[in-house]
């Protein structure tokens, strides 16, 4: 009789132990999946910021601004993307001032 009670008790403990580790395993897999998604998202905004920088170097400021804004959608705290947007607008203003397009735009807004 003792051995039967002992075996049933051991089976119950094993069952609960298995269920606990199974649920923890599922939670663990979900956590790993979330971490991978977070890593991918981080990689994406870094790549977008780098691409925006490259467009800025080629004086394609509107494309640079567009890509930097996409990077900010993924990570609003990406200081490099904010800096690229500011630089692009500054360079656009300088170009418009040098070519006289600034005055055209200014006159158009008055109409």
PDB file of N, CA and C in Angstrom:
ATOM      1  N   UNK A   1       0.818  -1.193   0.000  1.00  0.00           N
ATOM      2  CA  UNK A   1       0.000   0.000   0.000  1.00  0.00           C
ATOM      3  C   UNK A   1       0.868   1.265   0.000  1.00  0.00           C
ATOM      4  N   UNK A   2       1.916   1.242   0.814  1.00  0.00           N
ATOM      5  CA  UNK A   2       2.810   2.392   0.873  1.00  0.00           C
ATOM      6  C   UNK A   2       3.402   2.726  -0.490  1.00  0.00           C
ATOM      7  N   UNK A   3       3.822   1.713  -1.217  1.00  0.00           N
ATOM      8  CA  UNK A   3       4.461   1.931  -2.511  1.00  0.00           C
ATOM      9  C   UNK A   3       3.477   2.503  -3.529  1.00  0.00           C
ATOM     10  N   UNK A   4       2.247   2.124  -3.473  1.00  0.00           N
ATOM     11  CA  UNK A   4       1.240   2.642  -4.405  1.00  0.00           C
ATOM     12  C   UNK A   4       1.023   4.134  -4.149  1.00  0.00           C
ATOM     13  N   UNK A   5       0.878   4.506  -2.887  1.00  0.00           N
ATOM     14  CA  UNK A   5       0.697   5.920  -2.528  1.00  0.00           C
ATOM     15  C   UNK A   5       1.931   6.718  -2.934  1.00  0.00           C
ATOM     16  N   UNK A   6       3.103   6.137  -2.681  1.00  0.00           N
ATOM     17  CA  UNK A   6       4.357   6.803  -3.035  1.00  0.00           C
ATOM     18  C   UNK A   6       4.451   7.021  -4.546  1.00  0.00           C
ATOM     19  N   UNK A   7       4.127   5.996  -5.334  1.00  0.00           N
ATOM     20  CA  UNK A   7       4.191   6.106  -6.798  1.00  0.00           C
ATOM     21  C   UNK A   7       3.167   7.101  -7.333  1.00  0.00           C
ATOM     22  N   UNK A   8       1.962   7.106  -6.781  1.00  0.00           N
ATOM     23  CA  UNK A   8       0.939   8.066  -7.210  1.00  0.00           C
ATOM     24  C   UNK A   8       1.393   9.489  -6.871  1.00  0.00           C
ATOM     25  N   UNK A   9       1.938   9.677  -5.666  1.00  0.00           N
ATOM     26  CA  UNK A   9       2.449  10.998  -5.262  1.00  0.00           C
ATOM     27  C   UNK A   9       3.578  11.452  -6.166  1.00  0.00           C
ATOM     28  N   UNK A  10       4.500  10.548  -6.496  1.00  0.00           N
ATOM     29  CA  UNK A  10       5.618  10.888  -7.382  1.00  0.00           C
ATOM     30  C   UNK A  10       5.108  11.227  -8.777  1.00  0.00           C
ATOM     31  N   UNK A  11       4.094  10.492  -9.236  1.00  0.00           N
ATOM     32  CA  UNK A  11       3.523  10.770 -10.560  1.00  0.00           C
ATOM     33  C   UNK A  11       2.865  12.146 -10.594  1.00  0.00           C
ATOM     34  N   UNK A  12       2.181  12.498  -9.521  1.00  0.00           N
ATOM     35  CA  UNK A  12       1.535  13.816  -9.457  1.00  0.00           C
ATOM     36  C   UNK A  12       2.589  14.930  -9.443  1.00  0.00           C
ATOM     37  N   UNK A  13       3.626  14.747  -8.652  1.00  0.00           N
ATOM     38  CA  UNK A  13       4.710  15.744  -8.610  1.00  0.00           C
ATOM     39  C   UNK A  13       5.343  15.875  -9.985  1.00  0.00           C
ATOM     40  N   UNK A  14       5.614  14.757 -10.642  1.00  0.00           N
ATOM     41  CA  UNK A  14       6.196  14.783 -11.984  1.00  0.00           C
ATOM     42  C   UNK A  14       5.271  15.483 -12.982  1.00  0.00           C
ATOM     43  N   UNK A  15       3.981  15.242 -12.857  1.00  0.00           N
ATOM     44  CA  UNK A  15       3.011  15.869 -13.736  1.00  0.00           C
ATOM     45  C   UNK A  15       3.028  17.388 -13.568  1.00  0.00           C
ATOM     46  N   UNK A  16       2.964  17.845 -12.319  1.00  0.00           N
ATOM     47  CA  UNK A  16       2.996  19.295 -12.081  1.00  0.00           C
ATOM     48  C   UNK A  16       4.321  19.905 -12.514  1.00  0.00           C
ATOM     49  N   UNK A  17       5.413  19.213 -12.271  1.00  0.00           N
ATOM     50  CA  UNK A  17       6.739  19.672 -12.691  1.00  0.00           C
ATOM     51  C   UNK A  17       6.796  19.815 -14.214  1.00  0.00           C
ATOM     52  N   UNK A  18       6.257  18.830 -14.928  1.00  0.00           N
ATOM     53  CA  UNK A  18       6.241  18.871 -16.396  1.00  0.00           C
ATOM     54  C   UNK A  18       5.375  20.015 -16.904  1.00  0.00           C
ATOM     55  N   UNK A  19       4.205  20.184 -16.309  1.00  0.00           N
ATOM     56  CA  UNK A  19       3.303  21.263 -16.728  1.00  0.00           C
ATOM     57  C   UNK A  19       3.960  22.610 -16.481  1.00  0.00           C
ATOM     58  N   UNK A  20       4.597  22.771 -15.331  1.00  0.00           N
ATOM     59  CA  UNK A  20       5.268  24.033 -15.008  1.00  0.00           C
ATOM     60  C   UNK A  20       6.353  24.339 -16.034  1.00  0.00           C
ATOM     61  N   UNK A  21       7.193  23.369 -16.333  1.00  0.00           N
ATOM     62  CA  UNK A  21       8.279  23.612 -17.279  1.00  0.00           C
ATOM     63  C   UNK A  21       7.778  23.786 -18.711  1.00  0.00           C
ATOM     64  N   UNK A  22       6.688  23.142 -19.032  1.00  0.00           N
ATOM     65  CA  UNK A  22       6.104  23.328 -20.357  1.00  0.00           C
ATOM     66  C   UNK A  22       5.602  24.759 -20.517  1.00  0.00           C
ATOM     67  N   UNK A  23       4.883  25.252 -19.507  1.00  0.00           N
ATOM     68  CA  UNK A  23       4.380  26.631 -19.598  1.00  0.00           C
ATOM     69  C   UNK A  23       5.527  27.631 -19.565  1.00  0.00           C
ATOM     70  N   UNK A  24       6.543  27.361 -18.764  1.00  0.00           N
ATOM     71  CA  UNK A  24       7.700  28.262 -18.734  1.00  0.00           C
ATOM     72  C   UNK A  24       8.437  28.209 -20.064  1.00  0.00           C
ATOM     73  N   UNK A  25       8.448  27.032 -20.684  1.00  0.00           N
ATOM     74  CA  UNK A  25       9.086  26.912 -21.992  1.00  0.00           C
ATOM     75  C   UNK A  25       8.356  27.717 -23.038  1.00  0.00           C
ATOM     76  N   UNK A  26       7.026  27.699 -22.992  1.00  0.00           N
ATOM     77  CA  UNK A  26       6.228  28.478 -23.933  1.00  0.00           C
ATOM     78  C   UNK A  26       6.474  29.964 -23.716  1.00  0.00           C
ATOM     79  N   UNK A  27       6.494  30.379 -22.450  1.00  0.00           N
ATOM     80  CA  UNK A  27       6.787  31.783 -22.144  1.00  0.00           C
ATOM     81  C   UNK A  27       8.193  32.143 -22.614  1.00  0.00           C
ATOM     82  N   UNK A  28       9.113  31.218 -22.415  1.00  0.00           N
ATOM     83  CA  UNK A  28      10.488  31.452 -22.848  1.00  0.00           C
ATOM     84  C   UNK A  28      10.584  31.635 -24.361  1.00  0.00           C
ATOM     85  N   UNK A  29       9.863  30.798 -25.109  1.00  0.00           N
ATOM     86  CA  UNK A  29       9.873  30.920 -26.562  1.00  0.00           C
ATOM     87  C   UNK A  29       9.261  32.237 -27.011  1.00  0.00           C
ATOM     88  N   UNK A  30       8.184  32.656 -26.323  1.00  0.00           N
ATOM     89  CA  UNK A  30       7.569  33.947 -26.656  1.00  0.00           C
ATOM     90  C   UNK A  30       8.550  35.083 -26.388  1.00  0.00           C
ATOM     91  N   UNK A  31       9.272  34.986 -25.281  1.00  0.00           N
ATOM     92  CA  UNK A  31      10.252  36.009 -24.939  1.00  0.00           C
ATOM     93  C   UNK A  31      11.366  36.048 -25.975  1.00  0.00           C
ATOM     94  N   UNK A  32      11.843  34.891 -26.391  1.00  0.00           N
ATOM     95  CA  UNK A  32      12.891  34.824 -27.419  1.00  0.00           C
ATOM     96  C   UNK A  32      12.387  35.434 -28.725  1.00  0.00           C
ATOM     97  N   UNK A  33      11.147  35.129 -29.090  1.00  0.00           N
ATOM     98  CA  UNK A  33      10.564  35.667 -30.317  1.00  0.00           C
ATOM     99  C   UNK A  33      10.464  37.189 -30.242  1.00  0.00           C
ATOM    100  N   UNK A  34      10.017  37.710 -29.098  1.00  0.00           N
ATOM    101  CA  UNK A  34       9.924  39.162 -28.922  1.00  0.00           C
ATOM    102  C   UNK A  34      11.300  39.815 -29.006  1.00  0.00           C
ATOM    103  N   UNK A  35      12.296  39.165 -28.437  1.00  0.00           N
ATOM    104  CA  UNK A  35      13.656  39.711 -28.474  1.00  0.00           C
ATOM    105  C   UNK A  35      14.193  39.739 -29.903  1.00  0.00           C
ATOM    106  N   UNK A  36      13.880  38.687 -30.680  1.00  0.00           N
ATOM    107  CA  UNK A  36      14.315  38.669 -32.071  1.00  0.00           C
ATOM    108  C   UNK A  36      13.640  39.769 -32.871  1.00  0.00           C
ATOM    109  N   UNK A  37      12.333  39.989 -32.632  1.00  0.00           N
ATOM    110  CA  UNK A  37      11.618  41.055 -33.327  1.00  0.00           C
ATOM    111  C   UNK A  37      12.191  42.413 -32.958  1.00  0.00           C
ATOM    112  N   UNK A  38      12.506  42.595 -31.688  1.00  0.00           N
ATOM    113  CA  UNK A  38      13.089  43.845 -31.231  1.00  0.00           C
ATOM    114  C   UNK A  38      14.448  44.073 -31.891  1.00  0.00           C
ATOM    115  N   UNK A  39      15.230  43.006 -32.003  1.00  0.00           N
ATOM    116  CA  UNK A  39      16.547  43.104 -32.638  1.00  0.00           C
ATOM    117  C   UNK A  39      16.404  43.472 -34.109  1.00  0.00           C
ATOM    118  N   UNK A  40      15.447  42.853 -34.802  1.00  0.00           N
ATOM    119  CA  UNK A  40      15.197  43.169 -36.207  1.00  0.00           C
ATOM    120  C   UNK A  40      14.782  44.621 -36.363  1.00  0.00           C
ATOM    121  N   UNK A  41      13.900  45.065 -35.474  1.00  0.00           N
ATOM    122  CA  UNK A  41      13.429  46.442 -35.542  1.00  0.00           C
ATOM    123  C   UNK A  41      14.596  47.401 -35.314  1.00  0.00           C
ATOM    124  N   UNK A  42      15.468  47.077 -34.369  1.00  0.00           N
ATOM    125  CA  UNK A  42      16.640  47.908 -34.108  1.00  0.00           C
ATOM    126  C   UNK A  42      17.526  47.953 -35.336  1.00  0.00           C
ATOM    127  N   UNK A  43      17.732  46.801 -35.944  1.00  0.00           N
ATOM    128  CA  UNK A  43      18.581  46.747 -37.127  1.00  0.00           C
ATOM    129  C   UNK A  43      17.964  47.575 -38.257  1.00  0.00           C
ATOM    130  N   UNK A  44      16.647  47.530 -38.384  1.00  0.00           N
ATOM    131  CA  UNK A  44      15.975  48.261 -39.458  1.00  0.00           C
ATOM    132  C   UNK A  44      16.129  49.768 -39.311  1.00  0.00           C
ATOM    133  N   UNK A  45      15.929  50.315 -38.100  1.00  0.00           N
ATOM    134  CA  UNK A  45      16.043  51.766 -37.972  1.00  0.00           C
ATOM    135  C   UNK A  45      17.487  52.222 -38.122  1.00  0.00           C
ATOM    136  N   UNK A  46      18.428  51.382 -37.725  1.00  0.00           N
ATOM    137  CA  UNK A  46      19.838  51.732 -37.911  1.00  0.00           C
ATOM    138  C   UNK A  46      20.163  51.771 -39.400  1.00  0.00           C
ATOM    139  N   UNK A  47      19.670  50.783 -40.150  1.00  0.00           N
ATOM    140  CA  UNK A  47      19.915  50.758 -41.598  1.00  0.00           C
ATOM    141  C   UNK A  47      19.252  51.944 -42.292  1.00  0.00           C
ATOM    142  N   UNK A  48      18.031  52.285 -41.871  1.00  0.00           N
ATOM    143  CA  UNK A  48      17.346  53.440 -42.457  1.00  0.00           C
ATOM    144  C   UNK A  48      18.101  54.732 -42.172  1.00  0.00           C
ATOM    145  N   UNK A  49      18.622  54.868 -40.968  1.00  0.00           N
ATOM    146  CA  UNK A  49      19.384  56.067 -40.612  1.00  0.00           C
ATOM    147  C   UNK A  49      20.653  56.149 -41.450  1.00  0.00           C
ATOM    148  N   UNK A  50      21.325  55.024 -41.614  1.00  0.00           N
ATOM    149  CA  UNK A  50      22.548  55.011 -42.429  1.00  0.00           C
ATOM    150  C   UNK A  50      22.232  55.362 -43.886  1.00  0.00           C
ATOM    151  N   UNK A  51      21.145  54.808 -44.396  1.00  0.00           N
ATOM    152  CA  UNK A  51      20.746  55.101 -45.775  1.00  0.00           C
ATOM    153  C   UNK A  51      20.382  56.579 -45.933  1.00  0.00           C
ATOM    154  N   UNK A  52      19.707  57.141 -44.933  1.00  0.00           N
ATOM    155  CA  UNK A  52      19.370  58.570 -44.963  1.00  0.00           C
ATOM    156  C   UNK A  52      20.637  59.409 -44.984  1.00  0.00           C
ATOM    157  N   UNK A  53      21.634  58.986 -44.228  1.00  0.00           N
ATOM    158  CA  UNK A  53      22.919  59.688 -44.216  1.00  0.00           C
ATOM    159  C   UNK A  53      23.564  59.671 -45.600  1.00  0.00           C
ATOM    160  N   UNK A  54      23.514  58.512 -46.246  1.00  0.00           N
ATOM    161  CA  UNK A  54      24.109  58.385 -47.581  1.00  0.00           C
ATOM    162  C   UNK A  54      23.402  59.298 -48.591  1.00  0.00           C
ATOM    163  N   UNK A  55      22.080  59.368 -48.525  1.00  0.00           N
ATOM    164  CA  UNK A  55      21.344  60.266 -49.415  1.00  0.00           C
ATOM    165  C   UNK A  55      21.693  61.718 -49.117  1.00  0.00           C
ATOM    166  N   UNK A  56      21.857  62.057 -47.855  1.00  0.00           N
ATOM    167  CA  UNK A  56      22.243  63.411 -47.488  1.00  0.00           C
ATOM    168  C   UNK A  56      23.607  63.779 -48.047  1.00  0.00           C
ATOM    169  N   UNK A  57      24.539  62.824 -48.033  1.00  0.00           N
ATOM    170  CA  UNK A  57      25.872  63.078 -48.598  1.00  0.00           C
ATOM    171  C   UNK A  57      25.796  63.365 -50.093  1.00  0.00           C
ATOM    172  N   UNK A  58      24.813  62.768 -50.766  1.00  0.00           N
ATOM    173  CA  UNK A  58      24.658  62.970 -52.213  1.00  0.00           C
ATOM    174  C   UNK A  58      23.742  64.153 -52.529  1.00  0.00           C
ATOM    175  N   UNK A  59      23.426  64.935 -51.513  1.00  0.00           N
ATOM    176  CA  UNK A  59      22.572  66.126 -51.646  1.00  0.00           C
ATOM    177  C   UNK A  59      21.140  65.787 -52.064  1.00  0.00           C
ATOM    178  N   UNK A  60      20.687  64.597 -51.769  1.00  0.00           N
ATOM    179  CA  UNK A  60      19.298  64.216 -52.013  1.00  0.00           C
ATOM    180  C   UNK A  60      18.562  64.338 -50.684  1.00  0.00           C
ATOM    181  N   UNK A  61      18.318  65.599 -50.305  1.00  0.00           N
ATOM    182  CA  UNK A  61      17.841  65.896 -48.960  1.00  0.00           C
ATOM    183  C   UNK A  61      16.417  65.430 -48.699  1.00  0.00           C
ATOM    184  N   UNK A  62      15.531  65.514 -49.685  1.00  0.00           N
ATOM    185  CA  UNK A  62      14.146  65.084 -49.459  1.00  0.00           C
ATOM    186  C   UNK A  62      14.077  63.590 -49.189  1.00  0.00           C
ATOM    187  N   UNK A  63      14.862  62.818 -49.937  1.00  0.00           N
ATOM    188  CA  UNK A  63      14.896  61.370 -49.715  1.00  0.00           C
ATOM    189  C   UNK A  63      15.514  61.066 -48.341  1.00  0.00           C
ATOM    190  N   UNK A  64      16.532  61.835 -47.963  1.00  0.00           N
ATOM    191  CA  UNK A  64      17.167  61.674 -46.664  1.00  0.00           C
ATOM    192  C   UNK A  64      16.164  61.927 -45.541  1.00  0.00           C
ATOM    193  N   UNK A  65      15.364  62.982 -45.684  1.00  0.00           N
ATOM    194  CA  UNK A  65      14.353  63.307 -44.677  1.00  0.00           C
ATOM    195  C   UNK A  65      13.315  62.188 -44.586  1.00  0.00           C
ATOM    196  N   UNK A  66      12.894  61.687 -45.728  1.00  0.00           N
ATOM    197  CA  UNK A  66      11.888  60.615 -45.763  1.00  0.00           C
ATOM    198  C   UNK A  66      12.378  59.367 -45.030  1.00  0.00           C
ATOM    199  N   UNK A  67      13.614  58.971 -45.308  1.00  0.00           N
ATOM    200  CA  UNK A  67      14.162  57.770 -44.672  1.00  0.00           C
ATOM    201  C   UNK A  67      14.394  57.979 -43.173  1.00  0.00           C
ATOM    202  N   UNK A  68      14.849  59.174 -42.801  1.00  0.00           N
ATOM    203  CA  UNK A  68      15.068  59.459 -41.382  1.00  0.00           C
ATOM    204  C   UNK A  68      13.743  59.435 -40.621  1.00  0.00           C
ATOM    205  N   UNK A  69      12.673  59.922 -41.250  1.00  0.00           N
ATOM    206  CA  UNK A  69      11.359  59.891 -40.602  1.00  0.00           C
ATOM    207  C   UNK A  69      10.881  58.451 -40.415  1.00  0.00           C
ATOM    208  N   UNK A  70      11.175  57.580 -41.382  1.00  0.00           N
ATOM    209  CA  UNK A  70      10.814  56.161 -41.232  1.00  0.00           C
ATOM    210  C   UNK A  70      11.591  55.534 -40.073  1.00  0.00           C
ATOM    211  N   UNK A  71      12.863  55.925 -39.951  1.00  0.00           N
ATOM    212  CA  UNK A  71      13.670  55.414 -38.842  1.00  0.00           C
ATOM    213  C   UNK A  71      13.086  55.880 -37.509  1.00  0.00           C
ATOM    214  N   UNK A  72      12.588  57.109 -37.468  1.00  0.00           N
ATOM    215  CA  UNK A  72      12.005  57.644 -36.236  1.00  0.00           C
ATOM    216  C   UNK A  72      10.685  56.957 -35.881  1.00  0.00           C
ATOM    217  N   UNK A  73       9.972  56.458 -36.876  1.00  0.00           N
ATOM    218  CA  UNK A  73       8.758  55.692 -36.589  1.00  0.00           C
ATOM    219  C   UNK A  73       9.102  54.415 -35.825  1.00  0.00           C
ATOM    220  N   UNK A  74      10.259  53.824 -36.156  1.00  0.00           N
ATOM    221  CA  UNK A  74      10.691  52.602 -35.482  1.00  0.00           C
ATOM    222  C   UNK A  74      11.339  52.893 -34.137  1.00  0.00           C
ATOM    223  N   UNK A  75      12.053  54.028 -34.054  1.00  0.00           N
ATOM    224  CA  UNK A  75      12.713  54.398 -32.804  1.00  0.00           C
ATOM    225  C   UNK A  75      12.688  55.916 -32.667  1.00  0.00           C
ATOM    226  N   UNK A  76      11.709  56.455 -31.971  1.00  0.00           N
ATOM    227  CA  UNK A  76      11.587  57.912 -31.832  1.00  0.00           C
ATOM    228  C   UNK A  76      12.761  58.564 -31.106  1.00  0.00           C
ATOM    229  N   UNK A  77      13.585  57.780 -30.447  1.00  0.00           N
ATOM    230  CA  UNK A  77      14.712  58.331 -29.696  1.00  0.00           C
ATOM    231  C   UNK A  77      16.020  58.273 -30.484  1.00  0.00           C
ATOM    232  N   UNK A  78      15.951  57.990 -31.785  1.00  0.00           N
ATOM    233  CA  UNK A  78      17.153  57.890 -32.616  1.00  0.00           C
ATOM    234  C   UNK A  78      17.689  59.291 -32.898  1.00  0.00           C
ATOM    235  N   UNK A  79      18.666  59.690 -32.110  1.00  0.00           N
ATOM    236  CA  UNK A  79      19.180  61.061 -32.226  1.00  0.00           C
ATOM    237  C   UNK A  79      19.826  61.310 -33.583  1.00  0.00           C
ATOM    238  N   UNK A  80      20.436  60.290 -34.161  1.00  0.00           N
ATOM    239  CA  UNK A  80      21.065  60.459 -35.472  1.00  0.00           C
ATOM    240  C   UNK A  80      20.054  60.809 -36.550  1.00  0.00           C
ATOM    241  N   UNK A  81      18.889  60.208 -36.488  1.00  0.00           N
ATOM    242  CA  UNK A  81      17.838  60.498 -37.471  1.00  0.00           C
ATOM    243  C   UNK A  81      17.331  61.932 -37.300  1.00  0.00           C
ATOM    244  N   UNK A  82      17.156  62.364 -36.056  1.00  0.00           N
ATOM    245  CA  UNK A  82      16.733  63.754 -35.814  1.00  0.00           C
ATOM    246  C   UNK A  82      17.772  64.728 -36.359  1.00  0.00           C
ATOM    247  N   UNK A  83      19.037  64.424 -36.128  1.00  0.00           N
ATOM    248  CA  UNK A  83      20.125  65.285 -36.611  1.00  0.00           C
ATOM    249  C   UNK A  83      20.131  65.339 -38.147  1.00  0.00           C
ATOM    250  N   UNK A  84      19.921  64.197 -38.782  1.00  0.00           N
ATOM    251  CA  UNK A  84      19.904  64.160 -40.248  1.00  0.00           C
ATOM    252  C   UNK A  84      18.764  65.007 -40.810  1.00  0.00           C
ATOM    253  N   UNK A  85      17.603  64.954 -40.177  1.00  0.00           N
ATOM    254  CA  UNK A  85      16.467  65.761 -40.638  1.00  0.00           C
ATOM    255  C   UNK A  85      16.796  67.238 -40.499  1.00  0.00           C
ATOM    256  N   UNK A  86      17.354  67.631 -39.356  1.00  0.00           N
ATOM    257  CA  UNK A  86      17.726  69.032 -39.153  1.00  0.00           C
ATOM    258  C   UNK A  86      18.758  69.501 -40.153  1.00  0.00           C
ATOM    259  N   UNK A  87      19.775  68.683 -40.384  1.00  0.00           N
ATOM    260  CA  UNK A  87      20.808  69.035 -41.360  1.00  0.00           C
ATOM    261  C   UNK A  87      20.226  69.152 -42.764  1.00  0.00           C
ATOM    262  N   UNK A  88      19.355  68.225 -43.121  1.00  0.00           N
ATOM    263  CA  UNK A  88      18.774  68.249 -44.465  1.00  0.00           C
ATOM    264  C   UNK A  88      17.955  69.516 -44.676  1.00  0.00           C
ATOM    265  N   UNK A  89      17.148  69.892 -43.690  1.00  0.00           N
ATOM    266  CA  UNK A  89      16.372  71.126 -43.827  1.00  0.00           C
ATOM    267  C   UNK A  89      17.288  72.352 -43.884  1.00  0.00           C
ATOM    268  N   UNK A  90      18.355  72.318 -43.113  1.00  0.00           N
ATOM    269  CA  UNK A  90      19.310  73.436 -43.153  1.00  0.00           C
ATOM    270  C   UNK A  90      19.953  73.546 -44.535  1.00  0.00           C
ATOM    271  N   UNK A  91      20.398  72.421 -45.070  1.00  0.00           N
ATOM    272  CA  UNK A  91      21.030  72.447 -46.390  1.00  0.00           C
ATOM    273  C   UNK A  91      20.034  72.813 -47.485  1.00  0.00           C
ATOM    274  N   UNK A  92      18.789  72.360 -47.343  1.00  0.00           N
ATOM    275  CA  UNK A  92      17.762  72.749 -48.313  1.00  0.00           C
ATOM    276  C   UNK A  92      17.555  74.258 -48.282  1.00  0.00           C
ATOM    277  N   UNK A  93      17.517  74.834 -47.099  1.00  0.00           N
ATOM    278  CA  UNK A  93      17.370  76.284 -46.975  1.00  0.00           C
ATOM    279  C   UNK A  93      18.537  77.019 -47.590  1.00  0.00           C
ATOM    280  N   UNK A  94      19.759  76.518 -47.372  1.00  0.00           N
ATOM    281  CA  UNK A  94      20.942  77.140 -47.965  1.00  0.00           C
ATOM    282  C   UNK A  94      20.889  77.080 -49.481  1.00  0.00           C
ATOM    283  N   UNK A  95      20.504  75.917 -50.008  1.00  0.00           N
ATOM    284  CA  UNK A  95      20.406  75.767 -51.466  1.00  0.00           C
ATOM    285  C   UNK A  95      19.361  76.711 -52.041  1.00  0.00           C
ATOM    286  N   UNK A  96      18.235  76.794 -51.386  1.00  0.00           N
ATOM    287  CA  UNK A  96      17.159  77.645 -51.885  1.00  0.00           C
ATOM    288  C   UNK A  96      17.589  79.116 -51.840  1.00  0.00           C
ATOM    289  N   UNK A  97      18.331  79.479 -50.824  1.00  0.00           N
ATOM    290  CA  UNK A  97      18.800  80.848 -50.696  1.00  0.00           C
ATOM    291  C   UNK A  97      19.817  81.172 -51.786  1.00  0.00           C
ATOM    292  N   UNK A  98      20.733  80.249 -52.064  1.00  0.00           N
ATOM    293  CA  UNK A  98      21.773  80.466 -53.062  1.00  0.00           C
ATOM    294  C   UNK A  98      21.212  80.502 -54.479  1.00  0.00           C
ATOM    295  N   UNK A  99      20.242  79.690 -54.758  1.00  0.00           N
ATOM    296  CA  UNK A  99      19.702  79.623 -56.117  1.00  0.00           C
ATOM    297  C   UNK A  99      18.573  80.616 -56.353  1.00  0.00           C
ATOM    298  N   UNK A 100      18.114  81.276 -55.329  1.00  0.00           N
ATOM    299  CA  UNK A 100      17.035  82.232 -55.485  1.00  0.00           C
ATOM    300  C   UNK A 100      15.660  81.594 -55.409  1.00  0.00           C
ATOM    301  N   UNK A 101      15.605  80.287 -55.253  1.00  0.00           N
ATOM    302  CA  UNK A 101      14.317  79.604 -55.152  1.00  0.00           C
ATOM    303  C   UNK A 101      13.608  79.979 -53.851  1.00  0.00           C
ATOM    304  N   UNK A 102      14.388  80.381 -52.865  1.00  0.00           N
ATOM    305  CA  UNK A 102      13.823  80.771 -51.582  1.00  0.00           C
ATOM    306  C   UNK A 102      12.888  81.961 -51.761  1.00  0.00           C
ATOM    307  N   UNK A 103      13.323  82.927 -52.577  1.00  0.00           N
ATOM    308  CA  UNK A 103      12.493  84.108 -52.813  1.00  0.00           C
ATOM    309  C   UNK A 103      11.242  83.736 -53.592  1.00  0.00           C
ATOM    310  N   UNK A 104      11.374  82.789 -54.529  1.00  0.00           N
ATOM    311  CA  UNK A 104      10.207  82.340 -55.285  1.00  0.00           C
ATOM    312  C   UNK A 104       9.184  81.690 -54.361  1.00  0.00           C
ATOM    313  N   UNK A 105       9.673  80.846 -53.480  1.00  0.00           N
ATOM    314  CA  UNK A 105       8.781  80.161 -52.544  1.00  0.00           C
ATOM    315  C   UNK A 105       8.163  81.182 -51.598  1.00  0.00           C
ATOM    316  N   UNK A 106       8.960  82.158 -51.156  1.00  0.00           N
ATOM    317  CA  UNK A 106       8.465  83.179 -50.259  1.00  0.00           C
ATOM    318  C   UNK A 106       7.367  84.005 -50.933  1.00  0.00           C
ATOM    319  N   UNK A 107       7.587  84.375 -52.222  1.00  0.00           N
ATOM    320  CA  UNK A 107       6.588  85.143 -52.959  1.00  0.00           C
ATOM    321  C   UNK A 107       5.315  84.339 -53.192  1.00  0.00           C
ATOM    322  N   UNK A 108       5.478  83.043 -53.440  1.00  0.00           N
ATOM    323  CA  UNK A 108       4.312  82.205 -53.688  1.00  0.00           C
ATOM    324  C   UNK A 108       3.432  82.095 -52.461  1.00  0.00           C
ATOM    325  N   UNK A 109       4.042  82.078 -51.289  1.00  0.00           N
ATOM    326  CA  UNK A 109       3.238  81.939 -50.092  1.00  0.00           C
ATOM    327  C   UNK A 109       2.459  83.212 -49.779  1.00  0.00           C
ATOM    328  N   UNK A 110       2.894  84.327 -50.317  1.00  0.00           N
ATOM    329  CA  UNK A 110       2.184  85.586 -50.087  1.00  0.00           C
ATOM    330  C   UNK A 110       0.935  85.712 -50.950  1.00  0.00           C
ATOM    331  N   UNK A 111       0.900  84.983 -52.025  1.00  0.00           N
ATOM    332  CA  UNK A 111      -0.234  85.109 -52.959  1.00  0.00           C
ATOM    333  C   UNK A 111      -1.458  84.421 -52.436  1.00  0.00           C
TER     334      UNK A 111
END
